[in-house]
PDB file of all heavy atoms in Angstrom:
ATOM      1  N   LYS A   1       0.828  -1.211   0.000  1.00  0.00           N
ATOM      2  CA  LYS A   1       0.000   0.000   0.000  1.00  0.00           C
ATOM      3  C   LYS A   1       0.867   1.268   0.000  1.00  0.00           C
ATOM      4  O   LYS A   1       0.473   2.292  -0.547  1.00  0.00           O
ATOM      5  CB  LYS A   1      -0.942   0.008   1.210  1.00  0.00           C
ATOM      6  CG  LYS A   1      -1.914  -1.156   1.235  1.00  0.00           C
ATOM      7  CD  LYS A   1      -2.713  -1.243  -0.069  1.00  0.00           C
ATOM      8  CE  LYS A   1      -3.693  -2.401  -0.048  1.00  0.00           C
ATOM      9  NZ  LYS A   1      -4.416  -2.560  -1.346  1.00  0.00           N
ATOM     10  N   PHE A   2       2.049   1.155   0.614  1.00  0.00           N
ATOM     11  CA  PHE A   2       2.991   2.263   0.570  1.00  0.00           C
ATOM     12  C   PHE A   2       3.395   2.539  -0.879  1.00  0.00           C
ATOM     13  O   PHE A   2       3.518   3.690  -1.306  1.00  0.00           O
ATOM     14  CB  PHE A   2       4.217   1.928   1.421  1.00  0.00           C
ATOM     15  CG  PHE A   2       5.143   3.084   1.659  1.00  0.00           C
ATOM     16  CD1 PHE A   2       4.859   4.035   2.622  1.00  0.00           C
ATOM     17  CD2 PHE A   2       6.311   3.222   0.926  1.00  0.00           C
ATOM     18  CE1 PHE A   2       5.713   5.105   2.857  1.00  0.00           C
ATOM     19  CE2 PHE A   2       7.169   4.272   1.147  1.00  0.00           C
ATOM     20  CZ  PHE A   2       6.869   5.228   2.112  1.00  0.00           C
ATOM     21  N   GLY A   3       3.583   1.483  -1.635  1.00  0.00           N
ATOM     22  CA  GLY A   3       3.917   1.617  -3.052  1.00  0.00           C
ATOM     23  C   GLY A   3       2.775   2.191  -3.859  1.00  0.00           C
ATOM     24  O   GLY A   3       2.986   2.970  -4.803  1.00  0.00           O
ATOM     25  N   VAL A   4       1.541   1.816  -3.519  1.00  0.00           N
ATOM     26  CA  VAL A   4       0.362   2.370  -4.208  1.00  0.00           C
ATOM     27  C   VAL A   4       0.308   3.890  -4.048  1.00  0.00           C
ATOM     28  O   VAL A   4       0.091   4.626  -5.017  1.00  0.00           O
ATOM     29  CB  VAL A   4      -0.938   1.731  -3.646  1.00  0.00           C
ATOM     30  CG1 VAL A   4      -2.165   2.504  -4.141  1.00  0.00           C
ATOM     31  CG2 VAL A   4      -1.034   0.271  -4.063  1.00  0.00           C
ATOM     32  N   ILE A   5       0.517   4.356  -2.825  1.00  0.00           N
ATOM     33  CA  ILE A   5       0.480   5.794  -2.558  1.00  0.00           C
ATOM     34  C   ILE A   5       1.584   6.519  -3.317  1.00  0.00           C
ATOM     35  O   ILE A   5       1.356   7.561  -3.938  1.00  0.00           O
ATOM     36  CB  ILE A   5       0.606   6.056  -1.039  1.00  0.00           C
ATOM     37  CG1 ILE A   5      -0.643   5.548  -0.312  1.00  0.00           C
ATOM     38  CG2 ILE A   5       0.832   7.542  -0.757  1.00  0.00           C
ATOM     39  CD1 ILE A   5      -0.525   5.594   1.191  1.00  0.00           C
ATOM     40  N   ASN A   6       2.787   5.948  -3.312  1.00  0.00           N
ATOM     41  CA  ASN A   6       3.921   6.606  -3.960  1.00  0.00           C
ATOM     42  C   ASN A   6       3.813   6.577  -5.485  1.00  0.00           C
ATOM     43  O   ASN A   6       4.236   7.523  -6.158  1.00  0.00           O
ATOM     44  CB  ASN A   6       5.231   5.963  -3.525  1.00  0.00           C
ATOM     45  CG  ASN A   6       5.617   6.358  -2.117  1.00  0.00           C
ATOM     46  OD1 ASN A   6       5.158   7.369  -1.601  1.00  0.00           O
ATOM     47  ND2 ASN A   6       6.452   5.568  -1.470  1.00  0.00           N
ATOM     48  N   PHE A   7       3.245   5.496  -6.029  1.00  0.00           N
ATOM     49  CA  PHE A   7       3.041   5.444  -7.476  1.00  0.00           C
ATOM     50  C   PHE A   7       2.064   6.526  -7.908  1.00  0.00           C
ATOM     51  O   PHE A   7       2.296   7.259  -8.885  1.00  0.00           O
ATOM     52  CB  PHE A   7       2.508   4.071  -7.901  1.00  0.00           C
ATOM     53  CG  PHE A   7       2.150   4.005  -9.369  1.00  0.00           C
ATOM     54  CD1 PHE A   7       3.126   3.781 -10.327  1.00  0.00           C
ATOM     55  CD2 PHE A   7       0.836   4.185  -9.786  1.00  0.00           C
ATOM     56  CE1 PHE A   7       2.800   3.736 -11.682  1.00  0.00           C
ATOM     57  CE2 PHE A   7       0.499   4.139 -11.131  1.00  0.00           C
ATOM     58  CZ  PHE A   7       1.485   3.906 -12.084  1.00  0.00           C
ATOM     59  N   SER A   8       0.964   6.657  -7.181  1.00  0.00           N
ATOM     60  CA  SER A   8      -0.037   7.664  -7.514  1.00  0.00           C
ATOM     61  C   SER A   8       0.546   9.077  -7.384  1.00  0.00           C
ATOM     62  O   SER A   8       0.318   9.940  -8.243  1.00  0.00           O
ATOM     63  CB  SER A   8      -1.257   7.518  -6.594  1.00  0.00           C
ATOM     64  OG  SER A   8      -2.287   8.402  -6.961  1.00  0.00           O
ATOM     65  N   ALA A   9       1.313   9.310  -6.327  1.00  0.00           N
ATOM     66  CA  ALA A   9       1.933  10.625  -6.138  1.00  0.00           C
ATOM     67  C   ALA A   9       2.910  10.940  -7.260  1.00  0.00           C
ATOM     68  O   ALA A   9       2.975  12.088  -7.737  1.00  0.00           O
ATOM     69  CB  ALA A   9       2.647  10.670  -4.790  1.00  0.00           C
ATOM     70  N   SER A  10       3.652   9.941  -7.705  1.00  0.00           N
ATOM     71  CA  SER A  10       4.598  10.145  -8.802  1.00  0.00           C
ATOM     72  C   SER A  10       3.871  10.440 -10.106  1.00  0.00           C
ATOM     73  O   SER A  10       4.320  11.267 -10.910  1.00  0.00           O
ATOM     74  CB  SER A  10       5.488   8.909  -8.966  1.00  0.00           C
ATOM     75  OG  SER A  10       6.245   8.677  -7.804  1.00  0.00           O
ATOM     76  N   PHE A  11       2.749   9.786 -10.323  1.00  0.00           N
ATOM     77  CA  PHE A  11       1.958  10.029 -11.533  1.00  0.00           C
ATOM     78  C   PHE A  11       1.437  11.468 -11.529  1.00  0.00           C
ATOM     79  O   PHE A  11       1.452  12.155 -12.556  1.00  0.00           O
ATOM     80  CB  PHE A  11       0.796   9.031 -11.608  1.00  0.00           C
ATOM     81  CG  PHE A  11       0.230   8.871 -12.985  1.00  0.00           C
ATOM     82  CD1 PHE A  11       0.658   7.852 -13.816  1.00  0.00           C
ATOM     83  CD2 PHE A  11      -0.735   9.751 -13.467  1.00  0.00           C
ATOM     84  CE1 PHE A  11       0.143   7.705 -15.094  1.00  0.00           C
ATOM     85  CE2 PHE A  11      -1.258   9.611 -14.738  1.00  0.00           C
ATOM     86  CZ  PHE A  11      -0.820   8.584 -15.557  1.00  0.00           C
ATOM     87  N   MET A  12       0.975  11.932 -10.366  1.00  0.00           N
ATOM     88  CA  MET A  12       0.441  13.297 -10.273  1.00  0.00           C
ATOM     89  C   MET A  12       1.537  14.354 -10.420  1.00  0.00           C
ATOM     90  O   MET A  12       1.254  15.511 -10.729  1.00  0.00           O
ATOM     91  CB  MET A  12      -0.272  13.513  -8.934  1.00  0.00           C
ATOM     92  CG  MET A  12      -1.432  12.556  -8.700  1.00  0.00           C
ATOM     93  SD  MET A  12      -2.568  12.430 -10.103  1.00  0.00           S
ATOM     94  CE  MET A  12      -3.076  10.712  -9.958  1.00  0.00           C
ATOM     95  N   ALA A  13       2.778  13.936 -10.236  1.00  0.00           N
ATOM     96  CA  ALA A  13       3.891  14.880 -10.379  1.00  0.00           C
ATOM     97  C   ALA A  13       3.970  15.437 -11.795  1.00  0.00           C
ATOM     98  O   ALA A  13       4.437  16.562 -11.996  1.00  0.00           O
ATOM     99  CB  ALA A  13       5.203  14.198 -10.011  1.00  0.00           C
ATOM    100  N   TYR A  14       3.489  14.663 -12.782  1.00  0.00           N
ATOM    101  CA  TYR A  14       3.464  15.184 -14.156  1.00  0.00           C
ATOM    102  C   TYR A  14       2.518  16.379 -14.261  1.00  0.00           C
ATOM    103  O   TYR A  14       2.815  17.379 -14.929  1.00  0.00           O
ATOM    104  CB  TYR A  14       3.014  14.094 -15.135  1.00  0.00           C
ATOM    105  CG  TYR A  14       3.991  12.961 -15.277  1.00  0.00           C
ATOM    106  CD1 TYR A  14       3.644  11.663 -14.916  1.00  0.00           C
ATOM    107  CD2 TYR A  14       5.274  13.181 -15.777  1.00  0.00           C
ATOM    108  CE1 TYR A  14       4.541  10.614 -15.040  1.00  0.00           C
ATOM    109  CE2 TYR A  14       6.171  12.136 -15.911  1.00  0.00           C
ATOM    110  CZ  TYR A  14       5.806  10.856 -15.548  1.00  0.00           C
ATOM    111  OH  TYR A  14       6.691   9.821 -15.666  1.00  0.00           O
ATOM    112  N   PHE A  15       1.377  16.290 -13.596  1.00  0.00           N
ATOM    113  CA  PHE A  15       0.402  17.378 -13.643  1.00  0.00           C
ATOM    114  C   PHE A  15       0.915  18.612 -12.897  1.00  0.00           C
ATOM    115  O   PHE A  15       0.767  19.742 -13.369  1.00  0.00           O
ATOM    116  CB  PHE A  15      -0.938  16.923 -13.061  1.00  0.00           C
ATOM    117  CG  PHE A  15      -1.576  15.800 -13.822  1.00  0.00           C
ATOM    118  CD1 PHE A  15      -1.950  14.627 -13.186  1.00  0.00           C
ATOM    119  CD2 PHE A  15      -1.806  15.907 -15.189  1.00  0.00           C
ATOM    120  CE1 PHE A  15      -2.542  13.585 -13.890  1.00  0.00           C
ATOM    121  CE2 PHE A  15      -2.393  14.874 -15.907  1.00  0.00           C
ATOM    122  CZ  PHE A  15      -2.770  13.711 -15.250  1.00  0.00           C
ATOM    123  N   THR A  16       1.524  18.391 -11.732  1.00  0.00           N
ATOM    124  CA  THR A  16       2.050  19.537 -10.986  1.00  0.00           C
ATOM    125  C   THR A  16       3.215  20.186 -11.733  1.00  0.00           C
ATOM    126  O   THR A  16       3.406  21.402 -11.665  1.00  0.00           O
ATOM    127  CB  THR A  16       2.506  19.122  -9.575  1.00  0.00           C
ATOM    128  OG1 THR A  16       3.515  18.111  -9.671  1.00  0.00           O
ATOM    129  CG2 THR A  16       1.342  18.569  -8.770  1.00  0.00           C
ATOM    130  N   LEU A  17       3.962  19.373 -12.453  1.00  0.00           N
ATOM    131  CA  LEU A  17       5.052  19.915 -13.270  1.00  0.00           C
ATOM    132  C   LEU A  17       4.502  20.817 -14.367  1.00  0.00           C
ATOM    133  O   LEU A  17       5.034  21.900 -14.637  1.00  0.00           O
ATOM    134  CB  LEU A  17       5.851  18.765 -13.885  1.00  0.00           C
ATOM    135  CG  LEU A  17       7.037  19.147 -14.777  1.00  0.00           C
ATOM    136  CD1 LEU A  17       8.109  19.863 -13.979  1.00  0.00           C
ATOM    137  CD2 LEU A  17       7.617  17.902 -15.441  1.00  0.00           C
ATOM    138  N   LEU A  18       3.410  20.377 -14.993  1.00  0.00           N
ATOM    139  CA  LEU A  18       2.789  21.172 -16.056  1.00  0.00           C
ATOM    140  C   LEU A  18       2.203  22.463 -15.499  1.00  0.00           C
ATOM    141  O   LEU A  18       2.362  23.539 -16.089  1.00  0.00           O
ATOM    142  CB  LEU A  18       1.703  20.352 -16.754  1.00  0.00           C
ATOM    143  CG  LEU A  18       0.950  21.048 -17.907  1.00  0.00           C
ATOM    144  CD1 LEU A  18       1.926  21.502 -18.989  1.00  0.00           C
ATOM    145  CD2 LEU A  18      -0.109  20.124 -18.497  1.00  0.00           C
ATOM    146  N   ILE A  19       1.537  22.377 -14.354  1.00  0.00           N
ATOM    147  CA  ILE A  19       0.939  23.577 -13.749  1.00  0.00           C
ATOM    148  C   ILE A  19       2.023  24.555 -13.307  1.00  0.00           C
ATOM    149  O   ILE A  19       1.900  25.773 -13.486  1.00  0.00           O
ATOM    150  CB  ILE A  19       0.039  23.188 -12.559  1.00  0.00           C
ATOM    151  CG1 ILE A  19      -1.161  22.372 -13.041  1.00  0.00           C
ATOM    152  CG2 ILE A  19      -0.446  24.433 -11.818  1.00  0.00           C
ATOM    153  CD1 ILE A  19      -1.970  21.737 -11.942  1.00  0.00           C
ATOM    154  N   GLY A  20       3.097  24.020 -12.734  1.00  0.00           N
ATOM    155  CA  GLY A  20       4.204  24.886 -12.320  1.00  0.00           C
ATOM    156  C   GLY A  20       4.901  25.541 -13.483  1.00  0.00           C
ATOM    157  O   GLY A  20       5.296  26.712 -13.430  1.00  0.00           O
ATOM    158  N   PHE A  21       5.089  24.799 -14.573  1.00  0.00           N
ATOM    159  CA  PHE A  21       5.640  25.265 -15.846  1.00  0.00           C
ATOM    160  C   PHE A  21       6.969  26.027 -15.691  1.00  0.00           C
ATOM    161  O   PHE A  21       7.286  26.907 -16.473  1.00  0.00           O
ATOM    162  CB  PHE A  21       4.636  26.157 -16.578  1.00  0.00           C
ATOM    163  CG  PHE A  21       4.766  26.076 -18.082  1.00  0.00           C
ATOM    164  CD1 PHE A  21       4.161  25.060 -18.782  1.00  0.00           C
ATOM    165  CD2 PHE A  21       5.527  27.006 -18.794  1.00  0.00           C
ATOM    166  CE1 PHE A  21       4.284  24.966 -20.167  1.00  0.00           C
ATOM    167  CE2 PHE A  21       5.661  26.929 -20.167  1.00  0.00           C
ATOM    168  CZ  PHE A  21       5.043  25.907 -20.857  1.00  0.00           C
ATOM    169  N   GLY A  22       7.707  25.712 -14.646  1.00  0.00           N
ATOM    170  CA  GLY A  22       8.998  26.360 -14.467  1.00  0.00           C
ATOM    171  C   GLY A  22       8.929  27.797 -14.011  1.00  0.00           C
ATOM    172  O   GLY A  22       9.937  28.519 -14.034  1.00  0.00           O
ATOM    173  N   PHE A  23       7.738  28.237 -13.550  1.00  0.00           N
ATOM    174  CA  PHE A  23       7.613  29.635 -13.117  1.00  0.00           C
ATOM    175  C   PHE A  23       8.468  29.928 -11.880  1.00  0.00           C
ATOM    176  O   PHE A  23       8.826  31.082 -11.641  1.00  0.00           O
ATOM    177  CB  PHE A  23       6.148  29.971 -12.830  1.00  0.00           C
ATOM    178  CG  PHE A  23       5.298  30.048 -14.062  1.00  0.00           C
ATOM    179  CD1 PHE A  23       4.109  29.329 -14.162  1.00  0.00           C
ATOM    180  CD2 PHE A  23       5.673  30.834 -15.132  1.00  0.00           C
ATOM    181  CE1 PHE A  23       3.323  29.393 -15.299  1.00  0.00           C
ATOM    182  CE2 PHE A  23       4.894  30.909 -16.281  1.00  0.00           C
ATOM    183  CZ  PHE A  23       3.719  30.188 -16.365  1.00  0.00           C
ATOM    184  N   ASP A  24       8.767  28.893 -11.083  1.00  0.00           N
ATOM    185  CA  ASP A  24       9.649  29.100  -9.940  1.00  0.00           C
ATOM    186  C   ASP A  24      11.002  29.659 -10.381  1.00  0.00           C
ATOM    187  O   ASP A  24      11.688  30.329  -9.610  1.00  0.00           O
ATOM    188  CB  ASP A  24       9.866  27.785  -9.190  1.00  0.00           C
ATOM    189  CG  ASP A  24       8.679  27.424  -8.321  1.00  0.00           C
ATOM    190  OD1 ASP A  24       7.775  28.261  -8.173  1.00  0.00           O
ATOM    191  OD2 ASP A  24       8.652  26.299  -7.797  1.00  0.00           O
ATOM    192  N   LEU A  25      11.375  29.360 -11.630  1.00  0.00           N
ATOM    193  CA  LEU A  25      12.629  29.870 -12.173  1.00  0.00           C
ATOM    194  C   LEU A  25      12.417  31.101 -13.049  1.00  0.00           C
ATOM    195  O   LEU A  25      13.044  32.133 -12.850  1.00  0.00           O
ATOM    196  CB  LEU A  25      13.331  28.767 -12.973  1.00  0.00           C
ATOM    197  CG  LEU A  25      13.745  27.522 -12.184  1.00  0.00           C
ATOM    198  CD1 LEU A  25      14.279  26.456 -13.124  1.00  0.00           C
ATOM    199  CD2 LEU A  25      14.784  27.861 -11.133  1.00  0.00           C
ATOM    200  N   SER A  26      11.516  30.984 -14.025  1.00  0.00           N
ATOM    201  CA  SER A  26      11.342  32.083 -14.984  1.00  0.00           C
ATOM    202  C   SER A  26      10.704  33.314 -14.366  1.00  0.00           C
ATOM    203  O   SER A  26      11.173  34.444 -14.581  1.00  0.00           O
ATOM    204  CB  SER A  26      10.506  31.595 -16.181  1.00  0.00           C
ATOM    205  OG  SER A  26       9.223  31.147 -15.761  1.00  0.00           O
ATOM    206  N   ALA A  27       9.624  33.144 -13.590  1.00  0.00           N
ATOM    207  CA  ALA A  27       8.962  34.294 -12.975  1.00  0.00           C
ATOM    208  C   ALA A  27       9.834  34.906 -11.886  1.00  0.00           C
ATOM    209  O   ALA A  27       9.887  36.134 -11.733  1.00  0.00           O
ATOM    210  CB  ALA A  27       7.610  33.884 -12.397  1.00  0.00           C
ATOM    211  N   THR A  28      10.518  34.054 -11.134  1.00  0.00           N
ATOM    212  CA  THR A  28      11.437  34.557 -10.111  1.00  0.00           C
ATOM    213  C   THR A  28      12.504  35.435 -10.740  1.00  0.00           C
ATOM    214  O   THR A  28      12.834  36.507 -10.234  1.00  0.00           O
ATOM    215  CB  THR A  28      12.096  33.383  -9.361  1.00  0.00           C
ATOM    216  OG1 THR A  28      11.086  32.614  -8.709  1.00  0.00           O
ATOM    217  CG2 THR A  28      13.090  33.882  -8.327  1.00  0.00           C
ATOM    218  N   ARG A  29      13.024  34.984 -11.863  1.00  0.00           N
ATOM    219  CA  ARG A  29      14.074  35.727 -12.561  1.00  0.00           C
ATOM    220  C   ARG A  29      13.579  37.092 -13.026  1.00  0.00           C
ATOM    221  O   ARG A  29      14.288  38.092 -12.925  1.00  0.00           O
ATOM    222  CB  ARG A  29      14.565  34.897 -13.758  1.00  0.00           C
ATOM    223  CG  ARG A  29      15.743  35.474 -14.495  1.00  0.00           C
ATOM    224  CD  ARG A  29      16.309  34.451 -15.473  1.00  0.00           C
ATOM    225  NE  ARG A  29      15.368  34.114 -16.520  1.00  0.00           N
ATOM    226  CZ  ARG A  29      15.567  33.145 -17.421  1.00  0.00           C
ATOM    227  NH1 ARG A  29      16.668  32.413 -17.354  1.00  0.00           N
ATOM    228  NH2 ARG A  29      14.679  32.891 -18.356  1.00  0.00           N
ATOM    229  N   LYS A  30      12.345  37.145 -13.499  1.00  0.00           N
ATOM    230  CA  LYS A  30      11.788  38.403 -14.007  1.00  0.00           C
ATOM    231  C   LYS A  30      11.619  39.441 -12.905  1.00  0.00           C
ATOM    232  O   LYS A  30      11.910  40.622 -13.091  1.00  0.00           O
ATOM    233  CB  LYS A  30      10.431  38.145 -14.680  1.00  0.00           C
ATOM    234  CG  LYS A  30      10.518  37.413 -15.999  1.00  0.00           C
ATOM    235  CD  LYS A  30       9.126  37.160 -16.554  1.00  0.00           C
ATOM    236  CE  LYS A  30       9.171  36.392 -17.865  1.00  0.00           C
ATOM    237  NZ  LYS A  30       7.806  36.110 -18.382  1.00  0.00           N
ATOM    238  N   ILE A  31      11.125  38.996 -11.749  1.00  0.00           N
ATOM    239  CA  ILE A  31      10.858  39.948 -10.658  1.00  0.00           C
ATOM    240  C   ILE A  31      12.132  40.265  -9.880  1.00  0.00           C
ATOM    241  O   ILE A  31      12.342  41.415  -9.469  1.00  0.00           O
ATOM    242  CB  ILE A  31       9.771  39.401  -9.721  1.00  0.00           C
ATOM    243  CG1 ILE A  31       8.429  39.357 -10.459  1.00  0.00           C
ATOM    244  CG2 ILE A  31       9.648  40.246  -8.459  1.00  0.00           C
ATOM    245  CD1 ILE A  31       7.268  38.886  -9.630  1.00  0.00           C
ATOM    246  N   ALA A  32      12.988  39.274  -9.669  1.00  0.00           N
ATOM    247  CA  ALA A  32      14.211  39.485  -8.897  1.00  0.00           C
ATOM    248  C   ALA A  32      15.119  40.511  -9.550  1.00  0.00           C
ATOM    249  O   ALA A  32      15.895  41.191  -8.875  1.00  0.00           O
ATOM    250  CB  ALA A  32      14.956  38.168  -8.709  1.00  0.00           C
ATOM    251  N   ALA A  33      15.032  40.634 -10.870  1.00  0.00           N
ATOM    252  CA  ALA A  33      15.867  41.610 -11.571  1.00  0.00           C
ATOM    253  C   ALA A  33      15.500  43.041 -11.198  1.00  0.00           C
ATOM    254  O   ALA A  33      16.337  43.947 -11.237  1.00  0.00           O
ATOM    255  CB  ALA A  33      15.743  41.417 -13.080  1.00  0.00           C
ATOM    256  N   ALA A  34      14.220  43.286 -10.851  1.00  0.00           N
ATOM    257  CA  ALA A  34      13.765  44.632 -10.464  1.00  0.00           C
ATOM    258  C   ALA A  34      12.648  44.505  -9.440  1.00  0.00           C
ATOM    259  O   ALA A  34      11.477  44.740  -9.744  1.00  0.00           O
ATOM    260  CB  ALA A  34      13.292  45.396 -11.695  1.00  0.00           C
ATOM    261  N   PRO A  35      12.960  44.126  -8.208  1.00  0.00           N
ATOM    262  CA  PRO A  35      11.920  43.861  -7.203  1.00  0.00           C
ATOM    263  C   PRO A  35      11.101  45.085  -6.821  1.00  0.00           C
ATOM    264  O   PRO A  35       9.999  44.947  -6.294  1.00  0.00           O
ATOM    265  CB  PRO A  35      12.722  43.336  -6.006  1.00  0.00           C
ATOM    266  CG  PRO A  35      14.103  43.864  -6.199  1.00  0.00           C
ATOM    267  CD  PRO A  35      14.316  43.900  -7.681  1.00  0.00           C
ATOM    268  N   SER A  36      11.612  46.286  -7.066  1.00  0.00           N
ATOM    269  CA  SER A  36      10.883  47.502  -6.690  1.00  0.00           C
ATOM    270  C   SER A  36       9.895  47.963  -7.754  1.00  0.00           C
ATOM    271  O   SER A  36       9.141  48.910  -7.528  1.00  0.00           O
ATOM    272  CB  SER A  36      11.870  48.633  -6.398  1.00  0.00           C
ATOM    273  OG  SER A  36      12.656  48.920  -7.538  1.00  0.00           O
ATOM    274  N   ASP A  37       9.887  47.297  -8.902  1.00  0.00           N
ATOM    275  CA  ASP A  37       9.008  47.683 -10.009  1.00  0.00           C
ATOM    276  C   ASP A  37       7.628  47.051  -9.799  1.00  0.00           C
ATOM    277  O   ASP A  37       7.409  45.887 -10.134  1.00  0.00           O
ATOM    278  CB  ASP A  37       9.618  47.237 -11.334  1.00  0.00           C
ATOM    279  CG  ASP A  37       8.853  47.778 -12.539  1.00  0.00           C
ATOM    280  OD1 ASP A  37       7.695  48.201 -12.388  1.00  0.00           O
ATOM    281  OD2 ASP A  37       9.431  47.772 -13.649  1.00  0.00           O
ATOM    282  N   SER A  38       6.686  47.838  -9.255  1.00  0.00           N
ATOM    283  CA  SER A  38       5.365  47.297  -8.937  1.00  0.00           C
ATOM    284  C   SER A  38       4.575  46.932 -10.189  1.00  0.00           C
ATOM    285  O   SER A  38       3.817  45.951 -10.184  1.00  0.00           O
ATOM    286  CB  SER A  38       4.572  48.311  -8.108  1.00  0.00           C
ATOM    287  OG  SER A  38       4.413  49.530  -8.812  1.00  0.00           O
ATOM    288  N   GLU A  39       4.730  47.677 -11.254  1.00  0.00           N
ATOM    289  CA  GLU A  39       4.002  47.364 -12.484  1.00  0.00           C
ATOM    290  C   GLU A  39       4.458  46.034 -13.062  1.00  0.00           C
ATOM    291  O   GLU A  39       3.646  45.222 -13.506  1.00  0.00           O
ATOM    292  CB  GLU A  39       4.204  48.493 -13.513  1.00  0.00           C
ATOM    293  CG  GLU A  39       3.470  49.778 -13.182  1.00  0.00           C
ATOM    294  CD  GLU A  39       1.966  49.560 -13.068  1.00  0.00           C
ATOM    295  OE1 GLU A  39       1.396  48.871 -13.944  1.00  0.00           O
ATOM    296  OE2 GLU A  39       1.373  50.036 -12.090  1.00  0.00           O
ATOM    297  N   ASN A  40       5.752  45.815 -13.046  1.00  0.00           N
ATOM    298  CA  ASN A  40       6.293  44.546 -13.527  1.00  0.00           C
ATOM    299  C   ASN A  40       5.811  43.403 -12.646  1.00  0.00           C
ATOM    300  O   ASN A  40       5.448  42.332 -13.148  1.00  0.00           O
ATOM    301  CB  ASN A  40       7.822  44.601 -13.517  1.00  0.00           C
ATOM    302  CG  ASN A  40       8.447  43.288 -13.943  1.00  0.00           C
ATOM    303  OD1 ASN A  40       8.267  42.816 -15.066  1.00  0.00           O
ATOM    304  ND2 ASN A  40       9.197  42.678 -13.040  1.00  0.00           N
ATOM    305  N   ARG A  41       5.779  43.627 -11.327  1.00  0.00           N
ATOM    306  CA  ARG A  41       5.324  42.596 -10.395  1.00  0.00           C
ATOM    307  C   ARG A  41       3.866  42.231 -10.649  1.00  0.00           C
ATOM    308  O   ARG A  41       3.506  41.044 -10.674  1.00  0.00           O
ATOM    309  CB  ARG A  41       5.517  43.094  -8.957  1.00  0.00           C
ATOM    310  CG  ARG A  41       5.273  42.037  -7.908  1.00  0.00           C
ATOM    311  CD  ARG A  41       5.822  42.450  -6.549  1.00  0.00           C
ATOM    312  NE  ARG A  41       5.196  43.649  -6.022  1.00  0.00           N
ATOM    313  CZ  ARG A  41       5.813  44.813  -5.884  1.00  0.00           C
ATOM    314  NH1 ARG A  41       7.071  44.954  -6.267  1.00  0.00           N
ATOM    315  NH2 ARG A  41       5.180  45.862  -5.374  1.00  0.00           N
ATOM    316  N   ASN A  42       3.005  43.222 -10.845  1.00  0.00           N
ATOM    317  CA  ASN A  42       1.592  42.965 -11.133  1.00  0.00           C
ATOM    318  C   ASN A  42       1.422  42.206 -12.445  1.00  0.00           C
ATOM    319  O   ASN A  42       0.598  41.290 -12.545  1.00  0.00           O
ATOM    320  CB  ASN A  42       0.817  44.282 -11.198  1.00  0.00           C
ATOM    321  CG  ASN A  42       0.679  44.943  -9.832  1.00  0.00           C
ATOM    322  OD1 ASN A  42       0.664  44.269  -8.814  1.00  0.00           O
ATOM    323  ND2 ASN A  42       0.586  46.255  -9.823  1.00  0.00           N
TER     324      ASN A  42
END
């Protein structure tokens, strides 16, 4: 049953990967370059 839970969680990782779409890197990079720019942040 431990394997059942982990298999299902691993399968769902594809969906979370798609939803995340690398924004943790790309969006972070965009805002970190100019954190005081409120228009860019919005």
